[in-house]
Amino acid sequence: MRDGMKEAGLSEPEFEFSSFFTVTLRKKAMIKVPWTRELNIRPDKLQRIIAILQVLISTNKLDVDGLAKKYHTTTRNIRKDLELLQEKDWIIGIGATKNKSYQITETGRQKAALIP
């Protein structure tokens, strides 16, 4: 169990022995950004939004299928995330739905700069 947690980049499990046997497993801390409340979204969606912005900062090539697999979600959810970012004017979509590419806007760059 310790090796598995370490490989996953998590802290080691905590074992407590009293009248009961307790094991505490801690998950990764969620990234906090100043604009979290502005989006009013769940933490898992926030992680995907951050990933999208980071990818678009480094390259304009966004792999929707790859992001869906990485975050254990559907491509539909990734596309909804992209729609939210377009509504907020943080990114722009170019082209038809199937072959759409995305570019980050100046507003999106400013928001991405606040990611720790």
Protein backbone atom coordinates (compact mmCIF):
# COMPACT_ATOMS: atom_id res chain seq x y z
CA MET A 1 0.00 0.00 0.00
CA ARG A 2 2.82 2.40 0.85
CA ASP A 3 4.57 1.75 -2.47
CA GLY A 4 1.35 2.26 -4.42
CA MET A 5 0.63 5.56 -2.70
CA LYS A 6 4.19 6.74 -3.28
CA GLU A 7 4.03 5.79 -6.98
CA ALA A 8 0.81 7.78 -7.31
CA GLY A 9 2.53 10.84 -5.82
CA LEU A 10 0.45 10.69 -2.65
CA SER A 11 1.51 10.81 0.97
CA GLU A 12 1.98 7.51 2.77
CA PRO A 13 -1.04 6.02 4.51
CA GLU A 14 -1.37 6.71 8.21
CA PHE A 15 -2.01 3.73 10.47
CA GLU A 16 -3.56 4.16 13.90
CA PHE A 17 -3.94 1.36 16.41
CA SER A 18 -6.28 1.81 19.35
CA SER A 19 -9.42 -0.11 20.17
CA PHE A 20 -9.96 0.06 16.37
CA PHE A 21 -7.58 -0.22 13.44
CA THR A 22 -7.71 2.91 11.27
CA VAL A 23 -5.99 3.64 7.97
CA THR A 24 -6.06 7.20 6.60
CA LEU A 25 -5.44 7.70 2.87
CA ARG A 26 -5.00 11.27 1.71
CA LYS A 27 -5.72 12.42 -1.81
CA LYS A 28 -3.83 15.10 -3.67
CA ALA A 29 -4.57 18.65 -2.64
CA MET A 30 -6.68 20.54 -5.14
CA ILE A 31 -5.09 23.50 -6.86
CA LYS A 32 -6.59 26.76 -5.68
CA VAL A 33 -6.83 29.70 -8.05
CA PRO A 34 -8.31 33.15 -7.42
CA TRP A 35 -10.94 32.78 -10.15
CA THR A 36 -12.49 29.54 -8.83
CA ARG A 37 -15.61 31.32 -7.55
CA GLU A 38 -15.94 33.25 -10.80
CA LEU A 39 -16.52 29.96 -12.65
CA ASN A 40 -18.66 28.36 -9.91
CA ILE A 41 -17.69 24.79 -10.81
CA ARG A 42 -16.85 21.51 -9.07
CA PRO A 43 -13.20 20.73 -8.20
CA ASP A 44 -12.91 17.96 -10.82
CA LYS A 45 -14.07 20.32 -13.54
CA LEU A 46 -11.67 22.98 -12.26
CA GLN A 47 -8.77 20.55 -12.69
CA ARG A 48 -9.81 19.98 -16.31
CA ILE A 49 -10.17 23.72 -16.96
CA ILE A 50 -6.68 24.32 -15.56
CA ALA A 51 -5.29 21.53 -17.77
CA ILE A 52 -6.95 23.01 -20.86
CA LEU A 53 -5.53 26.47 -20.18
CA GLN A 54 -2.05 25.06 -19.54
CA VAL A 55 -2.11 23.07 -22.78
CA LEU A 56 -3.26 26.09 -24.77
CA ILE A 57 -0.53 28.26 -23.23
CA SER A 58 2.16 25.83 -24.35
CA THR A 59 0.61 24.76 -27.68
CA ASN A 60 -2.55 25.37 -29.67
CA LYS A 61 -3.02 21.62 -30.22
CA LEU A 62 -5.64 20.31 -27.83
CA ASP A 63 -6.32 16.56 -27.71
CA VAL A 64 -9.91 16.26 -26.47
CA ASP A 65 -9.81 12.46 -26.39
CA GLY A 66 -6.51 12.45 -24.50
CA LEU A 67 -7.81 14.90 -21.90
CA ALA A 68 -10.95 12.82 -21.44
CA LYS A 69 -8.88 9.70 -20.79
CA LYS A 70 -6.47 11.49 -18.47
CA TYR A 71 -9.28 12.92 -16.32
CA HIS A 72 -11.50 9.81 -16.49
CA THR A 73 -14.39 11.63 -18.13
CA THR A 74 -16.12 11.82 -21.49
CA THR A 75 -15.19 13.88 -24.52
CA ARG A 76 -18.61 15.51 -24.11
CA ASN A 77 -17.56 16.86 -20.70
CA ILE A 78 -14.30 18.20 -22.15
CA ARG A 79 -16.29 19.93 -24.91
CA LYS A 80 -18.59 21.44 -22.27
CA ASP A 81 -15.49 22.73 -20.47
CA LEU A 82 -14.34 24.28 -23.74
CA GLU A 83 -17.77 25.86 -24.25
CA LEU A 84 -17.59 27.40 -20.77
CA LEU A 85 -14.17 28.85 -21.52
CA GLN A 86 -15.48 30.26 -24.80
CA GLU A 87 -18.48 31.82 -23.02
CA LYS A 88 -16.09 33.47 -20.56
CA ASP A 89 -14.00 34.66 -23.54
CA TRP A 90 -10.89 32.88 -22.21
CA ILE A 91 -10.47 30.88 -25.44
CA ILE A 92 -11.79 31.03 -28.98
CA GLY A 93 -12.76 28.08 -31.17
CA ILE A 94 -11.79 28.10 -34.83
CA GLY A 95 -13.27 25.81 -37.47
CA ALA A 96 -15.97 23.17 -37.70
CA THR A 97 -16.97 21.06 -34.71
CA LYS A 98 -15.06 17.90 -35.72
CA ASN A 99 -11.83 19.71 -36.64
CA LYS A 100 -12.13 22.65 -34.29
CA SER A 101 -8.95 24.14 -32.90
CA TYR A 102 -8.71 26.47 -29.95
CA GLN A 103 -6.63 29.50 -29.09
CA ILE A 104 -6.25 31.16 -25.74
CA THR A 105 -7.26 34.83 -25.55
CA GLU A 106 -5.47 37.56 -23.65
CA THR A 107 -8.06 37.21 -20.86
CA GLY A 108 -7.34 33.48 -20.77
CA ARG A 109 -3.59 34.18 -20.56
CA GLN A 110 -4.18 36.50 -17.60
CA LYS A 111 -6.28 33.86 -15.83
CA ALA A 112 -3.73 31.12 -16.59
CA ALA A 113 -0.95 33.29 -15.14
CA LEU A 114 -2.69 33.01 -11.75
CA ILE A 115 -2.39 29.20 -11.69
CA PRO A 116 0.16 28.22 -9.02
